[in-house]
Amino acid sequence: MSGVDHKDLTSFAKGLLSQKLETRTHRGYAVLKRVLWAIARRSQTRYLTGGTPLNVQTGRLRSSVRVGRIRREPGKIVGTVGTNVFYGRVWEFGASTPGHIVRPVNIDPRTGKVFTHLRFRLGPYGSHGEGMGPWVSVKEVKLAPKPWLAPAVEDTRPFMMREIGKLGMKMASGGK
C-alpha cells in the first residue's frame, strides 16, 4: 500500500471497527473467495497446461484444483486452494524426503521375488522424441520440485493487494 499515510490508515481502522462483525466477516469472505479462485484459475491456466515444466498429459491435476472451505478463526478468515490428487504435493515440493522417495516394492506378491532396484527406460529423446533412452536400474528416485501453486500465488499478488485495498477503502468509508 504505497502512498498511504497514517491518517488514511487511522480512518481505515476507525471505519473498520465501527462496522458490525458480521458485515466485516461477510465482506472478508467475499474478497477471500475472489482471491482464492483467481489463484486456482491462474494455476490451472498457466502452470498446469501443456508445455509447462510438468508436461501435463491427462489434466487430472489441473481439473482437481479447488478452493476449500472458507472459515472464520479468532481474528482472521482462512481459506485454502489445493488438490486431492496425491501427486500434486509431490510436484509442488519435490520428492526428496523419506516419505516421498520412490523405491521398489520389496517382494513381488505373485512370484515371491525380492526386488532391490527400480528398472525403467528413460523417456523419448531427440528433437522430436523419436527414440527411447537406455534402460536404467536405480535403488530410489528423487523428484525435483516443479511448483504449480506457489507461482500462481505470486502471480496473483497484485490482484490480491487491489482487492484488499478496495475492501479497506469500502470499510473505512462506512461500507458505501
C-alpha atoms as a PDB file:
ATOM      1  CA  MET A   1       0.000   0.000   0.000  1.00  0.00           C
ATOM      2  CA  SER A   2       2.451   2.632  -1.120  1.00  0.00           C
ATOM      3  CA  GLY A   3       1.413   6.243  -0.879  1.00  0.00           C
ATOM      4  CA  VAL A   4      -0.871   5.744   2.137  1.00  0.00           C
ATOM      5  CA  ASP A   5      -0.173   7.999   5.104  1.00  0.00           C
ATOM      6  CA  HIS A   6      -1.017   7.306   8.720  1.00  0.00           C
ATOM      7  CA  LYS A   7      -4.167   9.490   8.581  1.00  0.00           C
ATOM      8  CA  ASP A   8      -5.611   7.197   5.907  1.00  0.00           C
ATOM      9  CA  LEU A   9      -4.730   4.144   7.978  1.00  0.00           C
ATOM     10  CA  THR A  10      -6.296   5.698  11.081  1.00  0.00           C
ATOM     11  CA  SER A  11      -9.550   6.446   9.260  1.00  0.00           C
ATOM     12  CA  PHE A  12      -9.469   2.941   7.780  1.00  0.00           C
ATOM     13  CA  ALA A  13      -9.100   1.386  11.240  1.00  0.00           C
ATOM     14  CA  LYS A  14     -11.873   3.549  12.732  1.00  0.00           C
ATOM     15  CA  GLY A  15     -14.205   2.726   9.853  1.00  0.00           C
ATOM     16  CA  LEU A  16     -13.417  -0.958  10.091  1.00  0.00           C
ATOM     17  CA  LEU A  17     -14.021  -1.083  13.828  1.00  0.00           C
ATOM     18  CA  SER A  18     -17.289   0.816  13.508  1.00  0.00           C
ATOM     19  CA  GLN A  19     -18.708  -1.895  11.235  1.00  0.00           C
ATOM     20  CA  LYS A  20     -20.590  -4.819  12.685  1.00  0.00           C
ATOM     21  CA  LEU A  21     -18.533  -8.012  12.907  1.00  0.00           C
ATOM     22  CA  GLU A  22     -20.964  -9.800  10.571  1.00  0.00           C
ATOM     23  CA  THR A  23     -20.533  -7.109   7.891  1.00  0.00           C
ATOM     24  CA  ARG A  24     -16.741  -7.228   8.125  1.00  0.00           C
ATOM     25  CA  THR A  25     -16.771 -11.005   8.019  1.00  0.00           C
ATOM     26  CA  HIS A  26     -19.163 -11.168   5.053  1.00  0.00           C
ATOM     27  CA  ARG A  27     -17.068  -8.726   3.024  1.00  0.00           C
ATOM     28  CA  GLY A  28     -13.870 -10.502   4.025  1.00  0.00           C
ATOM     29  CA  TYR A  29     -15.328 -13.832   2.879  1.00  0.00           C
ATOM     30  CA  ALA A  30     -16.252 -12.354  -0.493  1.00  0.00           C
ATOM     31  CA  VAL A  31     -12.794 -10.865  -1.067  1.00  0.00           C
ATOM     32  CA  LEU A  32     -11.008 -14.031   0.056  1.00  0.00           C
ATOM     33  CA  LYS A  33     -13.206 -16.150  -2.197  1.00  0.00           C
ATOM     34  CA  ARG A  34     -12.390 -13.968  -5.246  1.00  0.00           C
ATOM     35  CA  VAL A  35      -8.670 -14.082  -4.461  1.00  0.00           C
ATOM     36  CA  LEU A  36      -8.606 -17.858  -3.915  1.00  0.00           C
ATOM     37  CA  TRP A  37     -10.470 -18.516  -7.170  1.00  0.00           C
ATOM     38  CA  ALA A  38      -8.044 -16.214  -9.001  1.00  0.00           C
ATOM     39  CA  ILE A  39      -5.142 -18.292  -7.641  1.00  0.00           C
ATOM     40  CA  ALA A  40      -6.860 -21.544  -8.652  1.00  0.00           C
ATOM     41  CA  ARG A  41      -7.571 -20.284 -12.178  1.00  0.00           C
ATOM     42  CA  ARG A  42      -4.012 -18.986 -12.572  1.00  0.00           C
ATOM     43  CA  SER A  43      -2.518 -22.336 -11.557  1.00  0.00           C
ATOM     44  CA  GLN A  44      -4.845 -24.158 -13.965  1.00  0.00           C
ATOM     45  CA  THR A  45      -4.294 -21.887 -16.960  1.00  0.00           C
ATOM     46  CA  ARG A  46      -0.611 -21.078 -16.645  1.00  0.00           C
ATOM     47  CA  TYR A  47       1.147 -23.817 -14.673  1.00  0.00           C
ATOM     48  CA  LEU A  48      -0.957 -26.913 -15.330  1.00  0.00           C
ATOM     49  CA  THR A  49      -1.208 -26.775 -19.113  1.00  0.00           C
ATOM     50  CA  GLY A  50       0.759 -28.404 -21.911  1.00  0.00           C
ATOM     51  CA  GLY A  51       4.250 -27.039 -22.468  1.00  0.00           C
ATOM     52  CA  THR A  52       4.868 -26.255 -18.801  1.00  0.00           C
ATOM     53  CA  PRO A  53       7.620 -27.959 -16.794  1.00  0.00           C
ATOM     54  CA  LEU A  54       5.067 -30.523 -15.604  1.00  0.00           C
ATOM     55  CA  ASN A  55       4.365 -31.724 -19.149  1.00  0.00           C
ATOM     56  CA  VAL A  56       0.647 -32.233 -18.465  1.00  0.00           C
ATOM     57  CA  GLN A  57      -0.732 -35.356 -20.119  1.00  0.00           C
ATOM     58  CA  THR A  58      -4.185 -36.098 -18.708  1.00  0.00           C
ATOM     59  CA  GLY A  59      -5.220 -32.863 -16.973  1.00  0.00           C
ATOM     60  CA  ARG A  60      -6.265 -34.738 -13.818  1.00  0.00           C
ATOM     61  CA  LEU A  61      -4.276 -32.453 -11.502  1.00  0.00           C
ATOM     62  CA  ARG A  62      -5.487 -29.333 -13.317  1.00  0.00           C
ATOM     63  CA  SER A  63      -9.145 -30.334 -13.068  1.00  0.00           C
ATOM     64  CA  SER A  64      -8.783 -31.229  -9.380  1.00  0.00           C
ATOM     65  CA  VAL A  65      -7.682 -27.763  -8.209  1.00  0.00           C
ATOM     66  CA  ARG A  66     -10.364 -26.427  -5.876  1.00  0.00           C
ATOM     67  CA  VAL A  67     -10.987 -23.671  -3.363  1.00  0.00           C
ATOM     68  CA  GLY A  68     -11.534 -25.189   0.061  1.00  0.00           C
ATOM     69  CA  ARG A  69     -13.993 -24.131   2.724  1.00  0.00           C
ATOM     70  CA  ILE A  70     -13.585 -20.549   3.919  1.00  0.00           C
ATOM     71  CA  ARG A  71     -13.969 -20.227   7.680  1.00  0.00           C
ATOM     72  CA  ARG A  72     -13.582 -17.718  10.453  1.00  0.00           C
ATOM     73  CA  GLU A  73     -10.977 -18.293  13.136  1.00  0.00           C
ATOM     74  CA  PRO A  74     -10.194 -15.956  16.033  1.00  0.00           C
ATOM     75  CA  GLY A  75      -9.038 -12.692  14.470  1.00  0.00           C
ATOM     76  CA  LYS A  76      -8.894 -13.923  10.855  1.00  0.00           C
ATOM     77  CA  ILE A  77     -10.678 -15.514   7.924  1.00  0.00           C
ATOM     78  CA  VAL A  78      -8.972 -18.594   6.469  1.00  0.00           C
ATOM     79  CA  GLY A  79      -9.370 -20.349   3.125  1.00  0.00           C
ATOM     80  CA  THR A  80      -7.360 -22.798   1.039  1.00  0.00           C
ATOM     81  CA  VAL A  81      -6.589 -23.651  -2.568  1.00  0.00           C
ATOM     82  CA  GLY A  82      -5.365 -27.150  -3.335  1.00  0.00           C
ATOM     83  CA  THR A  83      -5.962 -30.569  -4.780  1.00  0.00           C
ATOM     84  CA  ASN A  84      -6.871 -34.033  -3.569  1.00  0.00           C
ATOM     85  CA  VAL A  85      -4.631 -35.651  -6.190  1.00  0.00           C
ATOM     86  CA  PHE A  86      -1.749 -37.241  -4.291  1.00  0.00           C
ATOM     87  CA  TYR A  87       0.991 -36.219  -6.711  1.00  0.00           C
ATOM     88  CA  GLY A  88       0.056 -32.529  -6.589  1.00  0.00           C
ATOM     89  CA  ARG A  89       2.069 -32.187  -3.383  1.00  0.00           C
ATOM     90  CA  VAL A  90       4.969 -34.174  -4.847  1.00  0.00           C
ATOM     91  CA  TRP A  91       5.176 -31.861  -7.876  1.00  0.00           C
ATOM     92  CA  GLU A  92       4.885 -28.738  -5.734  1.00  0.00           C
ATOM     93  CA  PHE A  93       7.548 -29.666  -3.165  1.00  0.00           C
ATOM     94  CA  GLY A  94       9.534 -32.444  -4.851  1.00  0.00           C
ATOM     95  CA  ALA A  95      10.193 -35.950  -3.591  1.00  0.00           C
ATOM     96  CA  SER A  96      13.398 -35.918  -1.633  1.00  0.00           C
ATOM     97  CA  THR A  97      12.038 -36.515   1.853  1.00  0.00           C
ATOM     98  CA  PRO A  98      11.802 -40.101   3.126  1.00  0.00           C
ATOM     99  CA  GLY A  99       8.016 -40.270   2.760  1.00  0.00           C
ATOM    100  CA  HIS A 100       8.116 -39.214  -0.891  1.00  0.00           C
ATOM    101  CA  ILE A 101      11.120 -41.047  -2.328  1.00  0.00           C
ATOM    102  CA  VAL A 102      10.102 -43.654  -4.888  1.00  0.00           C
ATOM    103  CA  ARG A 103      11.510 -47.091  -4.034  1.00  0.00           C
ATOM    104  CA  PRO A 104      10.792 -50.586  -5.340  1.00  0.00           C
ATOM    105  CA  VAL A 105       8.229 -52.860  -3.745  1.00  0.00           C
ATOM    106  CA  ASN A 106      10.360 -55.332  -1.856  1.00  0.00           C
ATOM    107  CA  ILE A 107       8.552 -58.545  -2.794  1.00  0.00           C
ATOM    108  CA  ASP A 108       6.506 -59.430  -5.870  1.00  0.00           C
ATOM    109  CA  PRO A 109       3.327 -60.971  -4.391  1.00  0.00           C
ATOM    110  CA  ARG A 110       2.885 -63.278  -7.384  1.00  0.00           C
ATOM    111  CA  THR A 111       6.358 -64.791  -7.587  1.00  0.00           C
ATOM    112  CA  GLY A 112       7.880 -64.023  -4.186  1.00  0.00           C
ATOM    113  CA  LYS A 113      10.902 -62.479  -5.926  1.00  0.00           C
ATOM    114  CA  VAL A 114      12.703 -59.800  -3.889  1.00  0.00           C
ATOM    115  CA  PHE A 115      13.333 -56.529  -5.719  1.00  0.00           C
ATOM    116  CA  THR A 116      16.065 -54.121  -4.679  1.00  0.00           C
ATOM    117  CA  HIS A 117      16.059 -51.750  -7.661  1.00  0.00           C
ATOM    118  CA  LEU A 118      13.650 -49.836  -9.854  1.00  0.00           C
ATOM    119  CA  ARG A 119      14.156 -50.598 -13.533  1.00  0.00           C
ATOM    120  CA  PHE A 120      12.786 -48.359 -16.263  1.00  0.00           C
ATOM    121  CA  ARG A 121      13.603 -46.897 -19.623  1.00  0.00           C
ATOM    122  CA  LEU A 122      14.355 -43.209 -19.892  1.00  0.00           C
ATOM    123  CA  GLY A 123      11.837 -41.295 -21.957  1.00  0.00           C
ATOM    124  CA  PRO A 124      11.965 -40.102 -25.535  1.00  0.00           C
ATOM    125  CA  TYR A 125      14.982 -38.121 -26.615  1.00  0.00           C
ATOM    126  CA  GLY A 126      15.879 -36.172 -29.708  1.00  0.00           C
ATOM    127  CA  SER A 127      14.250 -33.060 -31.057  1.00  0.00           C
ATOM    128  CA  HIS A 128      11.046 -34.909 -31.964  1.00  0.00           C
ATOM    129  CA  GLY A 129      11.074 -37.639 -29.312  1.00  0.00           C
ATOM    130  CA  GLU A 130      11.847 -40.252 -31.913  1.00  0.00           C
ATOM    131  CA  GLY A 131      13.990 -42.568 -29.795  1.00  0.00           C
ATOM    132  CA  MET A 132      13.857 -44.169 -26.398  1.00  0.00           C
ATOM    133  CA  GLY A 133      16.612 -43.737 -23.882  1.00  0.00           C
ATOM    134  CA  PRO A 134      18.594 -46.520 -22.243  1.00  0.00           C
ATOM    135  CA  TRP A 135      17.336 -48.839 -19.539  1.00  0.00           C
ATOM    136  CA  VAL A 136      18.412 -47.792 -16.061  1.00  0.00           C
ATOM    137  CA  SER A 137      18.346 -49.517 -12.710  1.00  0.00           C
ATOM    138  CA  VAL A 138      18.314 -47.432  -9.515  1.00  0.00           C
ATOM    139  CA  LYS A 139      17.582 -48.015  -5.830  1.00  0.00           C
ATOM    140  CA  GLU A 140      15.403 -44.916  -5.499  1.00  0.00           C
ATOM    141  CA  VAL A 141      14.148 -41.895  -7.409  1.00  0.00           C
ATOM    142  CA  LYS A 142      14.050 -38.374  -6.029  1.00  0.00           C
ATOM    143  CA  LEU A 143      11.958 -35.850  -7.925  1.00  0.00           C
ATOM    144  CA  ALA A 144      12.888 -32.173  -8.114  1.00  0.00           C
ATOM    145  CA  PRO A 145      10.105 -29.742  -7.231  1.00  0.00           C
ATOM    146  CA  LYS A 146       8.095 -28.317 -10.126  1.00  0.00           C
ATOM    147  CA  PRO A 147       5.877 -25.804  -8.339  1.00  0.00           C
ATOM    148  CA  TRP A 148       2.490 -25.059  -9.827  1.00  0.00           C
ATOM    149  CA  LEU A 149       0.650 -23.392  -6.919  1.00  0.00           C
ATOM    150  CA  ALA A 150       3.234 -21.095  -5.281  1.00  0.00           C
ATOM    151  CA  PRO A 151       3.990 -19.290  -8.577  1.00  0.00           C
ATOM    152  CA  ALA A 152       0.245 -18.807  -9.115  1.00  0.00           C
ATOM    153  CA  VAL A 153       0.028 -17.154  -5.691  1.00  0.00           C
ATOM    154  CA  GLU A 154       2.898 -14.826  -6.625  1.00  0.00           C
ATOM    155  CA  ASP A 155       1.325 -14.003  -9.997  1.00  0.00           C
ATOM    156  CA  THR A 156      -1.960 -13.193  -8.261  1.00  0.00           C
ATOM    157  CA  ARG A 157      -0.379 -10.956  -5.590  1.00  0.00           C
ATOM    158  CA  PRO A 158      -1.172  -7.618  -7.389  1.00  0.00           C
ATOM    159  CA  PHE A 159      -4.839  -8.639  -7.751  1.00  0.00           C
ATOM    160  CA  MET A 160      -4.874  -9.730  -4.109  1.00  0.00           C
ATOM    161  CA  MET A 161      -3.483  -6.375  -2.950  1.00  0.00           C
ATOM    162  CA  ARG A 162      -6.009  -4.432  -5.070  1.00  0.00           C
ATOM    163  CA  GLU A 163      -8.918  -6.443  -3.658  1.00  0.00           C
ATOM    164  CA  ILE A 164      -7.749  -5.992  -0.075  1.00  0.00           C
ATOM    165  CA  GLY A 165      -7.209  -2.273  -0.719  1.00  0.00           C
ATOM    166  CA  LYS A 166     -10.725  -1.917  -2.164  1.00  0.00           C
ATOM    167  CA  LEU A 167     -12.149  -3.714   0.857  1.00  0.00           C
ATOM    168  CA  GLY A 168     -10.233  -1.415   3.177  1.00  0.00           C
ATOM    169  CA  MET A 169     -11.450   1.730   1.435  1.00  0.00           C
ATOM    170  CA  LYS A 170     -15.034   0.468   1.427  1.00  0.00           C
ATOM    171  CA  MET A 171     -14.859  -0.377   5.137  1.00  0.00           C
ATOM    172  CA  ALA A 172     -13.214   2.972   6.005  1.00  0.00           C
ATOM    173  CA  SER A 173     -15.961   4.883   4.224  1.00  0.00           C
ATOM    174  CA  GLY A 174     -18.625   3.089   6.191  1.00  0.00           C
ATOM    175  CA  GLY A 175     -19.429   0.486   3.549  1.00  0.00           C
ATOM    176  CA  LYS A 176     -20.592   2.802   0.763  1.00  0.00           C
END
